[in-house]
Amino acid sequence: MNTRNNKPIFLFSMISAGFILFSCGAPGACECKKNAGLGSKADSTTTNECKDAFEALSREEKNEYKEEYTACK
């Protein structure tokens, strides 16, 4: 078995799994906007998760997040 050919597949699999786990665990932009709109009734856990998730994003991802956030109703 040639392990050299499996390395790109393994790397891609690990990166994909990371994105899936992160996207499932962090609240989305619309959920964060909805929570922020609650004012004093906002869930502090969700507020902190939103802040942490936003800080973990790259500059490009932050721009996409902001566009999604403003597009939410």
PDB file of N, CA and C in Angstrom:
ATOM      1  N   MET A   1       0.844  -1.184   0.000  1.00  0.00           N
ATOM      2  CA  MET A   1       0.000   0.000   0.000  1.00  0.00           C
ATOM      3  C   MET A   1       0.888   1.246   0.000  1.00  0.00           C
ATOM      4  N   ASN A   2       0.562   2.146  -0.834  1.00  0.00           N
ATOM      5  CA  ASN A   2       1.340   3.367  -0.962  1.00  0.00           C
ATOM      6  C   ASN A   2       0.719   4.450  -0.086  1.00  0.00           C
ATOM      7  N   THR A   3       1.371   4.779   1.014  1.00  0.00           N
ATOM      8  CA  THR A   3       0.811   5.757   1.953  1.00  0.00           C
ATOM      9  C   THR A   3       0.963   7.182   1.453  1.00  0.00           C
ATOM     10  N   ARG A   4       1.816   7.387   0.495  1.00  0.00           N
ATOM     11  CA  ARG A   4       2.032   8.728  -0.040  1.00  0.00           C
ATOM     12  C   ARG A   4       0.771   9.284  -0.694  1.00  0.00           C
ATOM     13  N   ASN A   5       0.000   8.435  -1.343  1.00  0.00           N
ATOM     14  CA  ASN A   5      -1.214   8.879  -2.023  1.00  0.00           C
ATOM     15  C   ASN A   5      -2.368   9.126  -1.062  1.00  0.00           C
ATOM     16  N   ASN A   6      -2.293   8.601   0.142  1.00  0.00           N
ATOM     17  CA  ASN A   6      -3.374   8.753   1.102  1.00  0.00           C
ATOM     18  C   ASN A   6      -3.272  10.049   1.901  1.00  0.00           C
ATOM     19  N   LYS A   7      -2.120  10.672   1.917  1.00  0.00           N
ATOM     20  CA  LYS A   7      -1.947  11.873   2.731  1.00  0.00           C
ATOM     21  C   LYS A   7      -2.864  13.021   2.309  1.00  0.00           C
ATOM     22  N   PRO A   8      -3.000  13.341   1.018  1.00  0.00           N
ATOM     23  CA  PRO A   8      -3.924  14.430   0.656  1.00  0.00           C
ATOM     24  C   PRO A   8      -5.375  14.124   1.016  1.00  0.00           C
ATOM     25  N   ILE A   9      -5.762  12.870   0.872  1.00  0.00           N
ATOM     26  CA  ILE A   9      -7.139  12.488   1.198  1.00  0.00           C
ATOM     27  C   ILE A   9      -7.367  12.616   2.702  1.00  0.00           C
ATOM     28  N   PHE A  10      -6.406  12.173   3.488  1.00  0.00           N
ATOM     29  CA  PHE A  10      -6.520  12.271   4.940  1.00  0.00           C
ATOM     30  C   PHE A  10      -6.591  13.738   5.373  1.00  0.00           C
ATOM     31  N   LEU A  11      -5.725  14.572   4.804  1.00  0.00           N
ATOM     32  CA  LEU A  11      -5.709  15.996   5.147  1.00  0.00           C
ATOM     33  C   LEU A  11      -7.045  16.649   4.799  1.00  0.00           C
ATOM     34  N   PHE A  12      -7.544  16.361   3.613  1.00  0.00           N
ATOM     35  CA  PHE A  12      -8.832  16.916   3.199  1.00  0.00           C
ATOM     36  C   PHE A  12      -9.948  16.450   4.127  1.00  0.00           C
ATOM     37  N   SER A  13      -9.918  15.186   4.515  1.00  0.00           N
ATOM     38  CA  SER A  13     -10.934  14.646   5.415  1.00  0.00           C
ATOM     39  C   SER A  13     -10.906  15.336   6.769  1.00  0.00           C
ATOM     40  N   MET A  14      -9.705  15.571   7.295  1.00  0.00           N
ATOM     41  CA  MET A  14      -9.581  16.219   8.599  1.00  0.00           C
ATOM     42  C   MET A  14     -10.051  17.675   8.541  1.00  0.00           C
ATOM     43  N   ILE A  15      -9.710  18.372   7.482  1.00  0.00           N
ATOM     44  CA  ILE A  15     -10.146  19.762   7.335  1.00  0.00           C
ATOM     45  C   ILE A  15     -11.663  19.826   7.199  1.00  0.00           C
ATOM     46  N   SER A  16     -12.232  18.941   6.397  1.00  0.00           N
ATOM     47  CA  SER A  16     -13.687  18.910   6.222  1.00  0.00           C
ATOM     48  C   SER A  16     -14.396  18.603   7.532  1.00  0.00           C
ATOM     49  N   ALA A  17     -13.870  17.652   8.281  1.00  0.00           N
ATOM     50  CA  ALA A  17     -14.473  17.305   9.568  1.00  0.00           C
ATOM     51  C   ALA A  17     -14.416  18.491  10.522  1.00  0.00           C
ATOM     52  N   GLY A  18     -13.323  19.227  10.507  1.00  0.00           N
ATOM     53  CA  GLY A  18     -13.200  20.410  11.357  1.00  0.00           C
ATOM     54  C   GLY A  18     -14.233  21.464  11.018  1.00  0.00           C
ATOM     55  N   PHE A  19     -14.439  21.712   9.723  1.00  0.00           N
ATOM     56  CA  PHE A  19     -15.438  22.695   9.315  1.00  0.00           C
ATOM     57  C   PHE A  19     -16.838  22.268   9.722  1.00  0.00           C
ATOM     58  N   ILE A  20     -17.137  20.999   9.557  1.00  0.00           N
ATOM     59  CA  ILE A  20     -18.463  20.500   9.919  1.00  0.00           C
ATOM     60  C   ILE A  20     -18.691  20.624  11.421  1.00  0.00           C
ATOM     61  N   LEU A  21     -17.706  20.221  12.211  1.00  0.00           N
ATOM     62  CA  LEU A  21     -17.863  20.315  13.662  1.00  0.00           C
ATOM     63  C   LEU A  21     -17.985  21.760  14.118  1.00  0.00           C
ATOM     64  N   PHE A  22     -17.197  22.650  13.531  1.00  0.00           N
ATOM     65  CA  PHE A  22     -17.262  24.055  13.919  1.00  0.00           C
ATOM     66  C   PHE A  22     -18.599  24.665  13.522  1.00  0.00           C
ATOM     67  N   SER A  23     -19.071  24.355  12.315  1.00  0.00           N
ATOM     68  CA  SER A  23     -20.321  24.948  11.856  1.00  0.00           C
ATOM     69  C   SER A  23     -21.512  24.428  12.640  1.00  0.00           C
ATOM     70  N   CYS A  24     -21.435  23.200  13.132  1.00  0.00           N
ATOM     71  CA  CYS A  24     -22.541  22.646  13.913  1.00  0.00           C
ATOM     72  C   CYS A  24     -22.527  23.164  15.351  1.00  0.00           C
ATOM     73  N   GLY A  25     -21.372  23.514  15.869  1.00  0.00           N
ATOM     74  CA  GLY A  25     -21.270  23.898  17.262  1.00  0.00           C
ATOM     75  C   GLY A  25     -21.473  25.375  17.520  1.00  0.00           C
ATOM     76  N   ALA A  26     -21.125  26.203  16.591  1.00  0.00           N
ATOM     77  CA  ALA A  26     -21.210  27.648  16.789  1.00  0.00           C
ATOM     78  C   ALA A  26     -22.555  28.170  16.287  1.00  0.00           C
ATOM     79  N   PRO A  27     -23.103  29.166  16.975  1.00  0.00           N
ATOM     80  CA  PRO A  27     -24.362  29.745  16.504  1.00  0.00           C
ATOM     81  C   PRO A  27     -24.154  30.509  15.205  1.00  0.00           C
ATOM     82  N   GLY A  28     -25.158  30.532  14.369  1.00  0.00           N
ATOM     83  CA  GLY A  28     -25.084  31.242  13.099  1.00  0.00           C
ATOM     84  C   GLY A  28     -25.322  32.724  13.279  1.00  0.00           C
ATOM     85  N   ALA A  29     -25.072  33.461  12.220  1.00  0.00           N
ATOM     86  CA  ALA A  29     -25.219  34.916  12.261  1.00  0.00           C
ATOM     87  C   ALA A  29     -26.650  35.329  12.610  1.00  0.00           C
ATOM     88  N   CYS A  30     -27.615  34.645  12.036  1.00  0.00           N
ATOM     89  CA  CYS A  30     -29.017  35.000  12.312  1.00  0.00           C
ATOM     90  C   CYS A  30     -29.410  34.698  13.752  1.00  0.00           C
ATOM     91  N   GLU A  31     -28.889  33.599  14.270  1.00  0.00           N
ATOM     92  CA  GLU A  31     -29.163  33.262  15.672  1.00  0.00           C
ATOM     93  C   GLU A  31     -28.538  34.303  16.601  1.00  0.00           C
ATOM     94  N   CYS A  32     -27.343  34.765  16.251  1.00  0.00           N
ATOM     95  CA  CYS A  32     -26.676  35.792  17.063  1.00  0.00           C
ATOM     96  C   CYS A  32     -27.445  37.116  17.001  1.00  0.00           C
ATOM     97  N   LYS A  33     -27.939  37.451  15.807  1.00  0.00           N
ATOM     98  CA  LYS A  33     -28.698  38.701  15.665  1.00  0.00           C
ATOM     99  C   LYS A  33     -30.002  38.626  16.439  1.00  0.00           C
ATOM    100  N   LYS A  34     -30.658  37.474  16.373  1.00  0.00           N
ATOM    101  CA  LYS A  34     -31.912  37.291  17.107  1.00  0.00           C
ATOM    102  C   LYS A  34     -31.665  37.415  18.610  1.00  0.00           C
ATOM    103  N   ASN A  35     -30.589  36.807  19.092  1.00  0.00           N
ATOM    104  CA  ASN A  35     -30.246  36.865  20.508  1.00  0.00           C
ATOM    105  C   ASN A  35     -29.895  38.299  20.916  1.00  0.00           C
ATOM    106  N   ALA A  36     -29.156  39.002  20.077  1.00  0.00           N
ATOM    107  CA  ALA A  36     -28.772  40.385  20.383  1.00  0.00           C
ATOM    108  C   ALA A  36     -29.993  41.299  20.431  1.00  0.00           C
ATOM    109  N   GLY A  37     -31.012  40.977  19.644  1.00  0.00           N
ATOM    110  CA  GLY A  37     -32.231  41.778  19.621  1.00  0.00           C
ATOM    111  C   GLY A  37     -33.088  41.632  20.864  1.00  0.00           C
ATOM    112  N   LEU A  38     -32.770  40.661  21.710  1.00  0.00           N
ATOM    113  CA  LEU A  38     -33.547  40.442  22.930  1.00  0.00           C
ATOM    114  C   LEU A  38     -33.174  41.400  24.053  1.00  0.00           C
ATOM    115  N   GLY A  39     -32.079  42.114  23.865  1.00  0.00           N
ATOM    116  CA  GLY A  39     -31.651  43.081  24.872  1.00  0.00           C
ATOM    117  C   GLY A  39     -31.284  42.423  26.184  1.00  0.00           C
ATOM    118  N   SER A  40     -31.930  42.842  27.268  1.00  0.00           N
ATOM    119  CA  SER A  40     -31.598  42.315  28.598  1.00  0.00           C
ATOM    120  C   SER A  40     -32.043  40.864  28.777  1.00  0.00           C
ATOM    121  N   LYS A  41     -32.918  40.376  27.906  1.00  0.00           N
ATOM    122  CA  LYS A  41     -33.382  38.992  27.983  1.00  0.00           C
ATOM    123  C   LYS A  41     -32.502  38.042  27.164  1.00  0.00           C
ATOM    124  N   ALA A  42     -31.437  38.554  26.584  1.00  0.00           N
ATOM    125  CA  ALA A  42     -30.553  37.739  25.751  1.00  0.00           C
ATOM    126  C   ALA A  42     -29.868  36.656  26.575  1.00  0.00           C
ATOM    127  N   ASP A  43     -29.660  35.521  25.957  1.00  0.00           N
ATOM    128  CA  ASP A  43     -28.972  34.395  26.606  1.00  0.00           C
ATOM    129  C   ASP A  43     -27.473  34.693  26.625  1.00  0.00           C
ATOM    130  N   SER A  44     -26.902  34.787  27.809  1.00  0.00           N
ATOM    131  CA  SER A  44     -25.489  35.152  27.938  1.00  0.00           C
ATOM    132  C   SER A  44     -24.567  34.089  27.345  1.00  0.00           C
ATOM    133  N   THR A  45     -24.975  32.825  27.406  1.00  0.00           N
ATOM    134  CA  THR A  45     -24.166  31.758  26.813  1.00  0.00           C
ATOM    135  C   THR A  45     -24.081  31.925  25.307  1.00  0.00           C
ATOM    136  N   THR A  46     -25.216  32.190  24.685  1.00  0.00           N
ATOM    137  CA  THR A  46     -25.236  32.393  23.241  1.00  0.00           C
ATOM    138  C   THR A  46     -24.451  33.639  22.872  1.00  0.00           C
ATOM    139  N   THR A  47     -24.576  34.701  23.654  1.00  0.00           N
ATOM    140  CA  THR A  47     -23.828  35.935  23.390  1.00  0.00           C
ATOM    141  C   THR A  47     -22.329  35.664  23.408  1.00  0.00           C
ATOM    142  N   ASN A  48     -21.862  34.931  24.399  1.00  0.00           N
ATOM    143  CA  ASN A  48     -20.435  34.604  24.490  1.00  0.00           C
ATOM    144  C   ASN A  48     -19.995  33.696  23.354  1.00  0.00           C
ATOM    145  N   GLU A  49     -20.832  32.723  22.992  1.00  0.00           N
ATOM    146  CA  GLU A  49     -20.498  31.830  21.882  1.00  0.00           C
ATOM    147  C   GLU A  49     -20.413  32.608  20.574  1.00  0.00           C
ATOM    148  N   CYS A  50     -21.285  33.577  20.400  1.00  0.00           N
ATOM    149  CA  CYS A  50     -21.259  34.405  19.186  1.00  0.00           C
ATOM    150  C   CYS A  50     -19.967  35.219  19.113  1.00  0.00           C
ATOM    151  N   LYS A  51     -19.599  35.806  20.230  1.00  0.00           N
ATOM    152  CA  LYS A  51     -18.364  36.596  20.266  1.00  0.00           C
ATOM    153  C   LYS A  51     -17.148  35.725  19.996  1.00  0.00           C
ATOM    154  N   ASP A  52     -17.087  34.564  20.634  1.00  0.00           N
ATOM    155  CA  ASP A  52     -15.950  33.657  20.450  1.00  0.00           C
ATOM    156  C   ASP A  52     -15.863  33.150  19.018  1.00  0.00           C
ATOM    157  N   ALA A  53     -17.019  32.794  18.463  1.00  0.00           N
ATOM    158  CA  ALA A  53     -17.036  32.294  17.085  1.00  0.00           C
ATOM    159  C   ALA A  53     -16.592  33.379  16.103  1.00  0.00           C
ATOM    160  N   PHE A  54     -17.038  34.607  16.328  1.00  0.00           N
ATOM    161  CA  PHE A  54     -16.667  35.709  15.435  1.00  0.00           C
ATOM    162  C   PHE A  54     -15.170  35.981  15.513  1.00  0.00           C
ATOM    163  N   GLU A  55     -14.617  35.954  16.707  1.00  0.00           N
ATOM    164  CA  GLU A  55     -13.182  36.207  16.882  1.00  0.00           C
ATOM    165  C   GLU A  55     -12.320  35.132  16.220  1.00  0.00           C
ATOM    166  N   ALA A  56     -12.854  33.911  16.108  1.00  0.00           N
ATOM    167  CA  ALA A  56     -12.089  32.806  15.523  1.00  0.00           C
ATOM    168  C   ALA A  56     -12.075  32.835  13.997  1.00  0.00           C
ATOM    169  N   LEU A  57     -12.894  33.685  13.401  1.00  0.00           N
ATOM    170  CA  LEU A  57     -12.988  33.746  11.943  1.00  0.00           C
ATOM    171  C   LEU A  57     -11.832  34.532  11.333  1.00  0.00           C
ATOM    172  N   SER A  58     -11.534  34.196  10.085  1.00  0.00           N
ATOM    173  CA  SER A  58     -10.541  34.976   9.337  1.00  0.00           C
ATOM    174  C   SER A  58     -11.202  36.273   8.875  1.00  0.00           C
ATOM    175  N   ARG A  59     -10.422  37.178   8.332  1.00  0.00           N
ATOM    176  CA  ARG A  59     -10.957  38.464   7.863  1.00  0.00           C
ATOM    177  C   ARG A  59     -12.029  38.245   6.789  1.00  0.00           C
ATOM    178  N   GLU A  60     -11.765  37.337   5.872  1.00  0.00           N
ATOM    179  CA  GLU A  60     -12.715  37.062   4.798  1.00  0.00           C
ATOM    180  C   GLU A  60     -14.006  36.463   5.353  1.00  0.00           C
ATOM    181  N   GLU A  61     -13.868  35.542   6.303  1.00  0.00           N
ATOM    182  CA  GLU A  61     -15.036  34.925   6.920  1.00  0.00           C
ATOM    183  C   GLU A  61     -15.827  35.936   7.733  1.00  0.00           C
ATOM    184  N   LYS A  62     -15.147  36.885   8.373  1.00  0.00           N
ATOM    185  CA  LYS A  62     -15.836  37.938   9.120  1.00  0.00           C
ATOM    186  C   LYS A  62     -16.671  38.802   8.187  1.00  0.00           C
ATOM    187  N   ASN A  63     -16.151  39.109   7.011  1.00  0.00           N
ATOM    188  CA  ASN A  63     -16.909  39.898   6.040  1.00  0.00           C
ATOM    189  C   ASN A  63     -18.165  39.147   5.594  1.00  0.00           C
ATOM    190  N   GLU A  64     -18.031  37.850   5.343  1.00  0.00           N
ATOM    191  CA  GLU A  64     -19.188  37.035   4.963  1.00  0.00           C
ATOM    192  C   GLU A  64     -20.204  36.973   6.109  1.00  0.00           C
ATOM    193  N   TYR A  65     -19.706  36.843   7.328  1.00  0.00           N
ATOM    194  CA  TYR A  65     -20.571  36.784   8.507  1.00  0.00           C
ATOM    195  C   TYR A  65     -21.361  38.093   8.633  1.00  0.00           C
ATOM    196  N   LYS A  66     -20.680  39.218   8.454  1.00  0.00           N
ATOM    197  CA  LYS A  66     -21.351  40.525   8.564  1.00  0.00           C
ATOM    198  C   LYS A  66     -22.437  40.679   7.511  1.00  0.00           C
ATOM    199  N   GLU A  67     -22.177  40.191   6.297  1.00  0.00           N
ATOM    200  CA  GLU A  67     -23.193  40.263   5.243  1.00  0.00           C
ATOM    201  C   GLU A  67     -24.399  39.405   5.599  1.00  0.00           C
ATOM    202  N   GLU A  68     -24.141  38.203   6.111  1.00  0.00           N
ATOM    203  CA  GLU A  68     -25.227  37.327   6.522  1.00  0.00           C
ATOM    204  C   GLU A  68     -26.008  37.933   7.685  1.00  0.00           C
ATOM    205  N   TYR A  69     -25.286  38.543   8.621  1.00  0.00           N
ATOM    206  CA  TYR A  69     -25.908  39.154   9.805  1.00  0.00           C
ATOM    207  C   TYR A  69     -26.863  40.271   9.390  1.00  0.00           C
ATOM    208  N   THR A  70     -26.431  41.122   8.482  1.00  0.00           N
ATOM    209  CA  THR A  70     -27.281  42.242   8.046  1.00  0.00           C
ATOM    210  C   THR A  70     -28.440  41.770   7.180  1.00  0.00           C
ATOM    211  N   ALA A  71     -28.300  40.599   6.521  1.00  0.00           N
ATOM    212  CA  ALA A  71     -29.374  40.094   5.670  1.00  0.00           C
ATOM    213  C   ALA A  71     -30.461  39.386   6.475  1.00  0.00           C
ATOM    214  N   CYS A  72     -30.187  39.058   7.728  1.00  0.00           N
ATOM    215  CA  CYS A  72     -31.189  38.367   8.555  1.00  0.00           C
ATOM    216  C   CYS A  72     -32.349  39.295   8.864  1.00  0.00           C
ATOM    217  N   LYS A  73     -33.515  38.686   8.999  1.00  0.00           N
ATOM    218  CA  LYS A  73     -34.715  39.475   9.316  1.00  0.00           C
ATOM    219  C   LYS A  73     -35.020  39.398  10.778  1.00  0.00           C
TER     220      LYS A  73
END
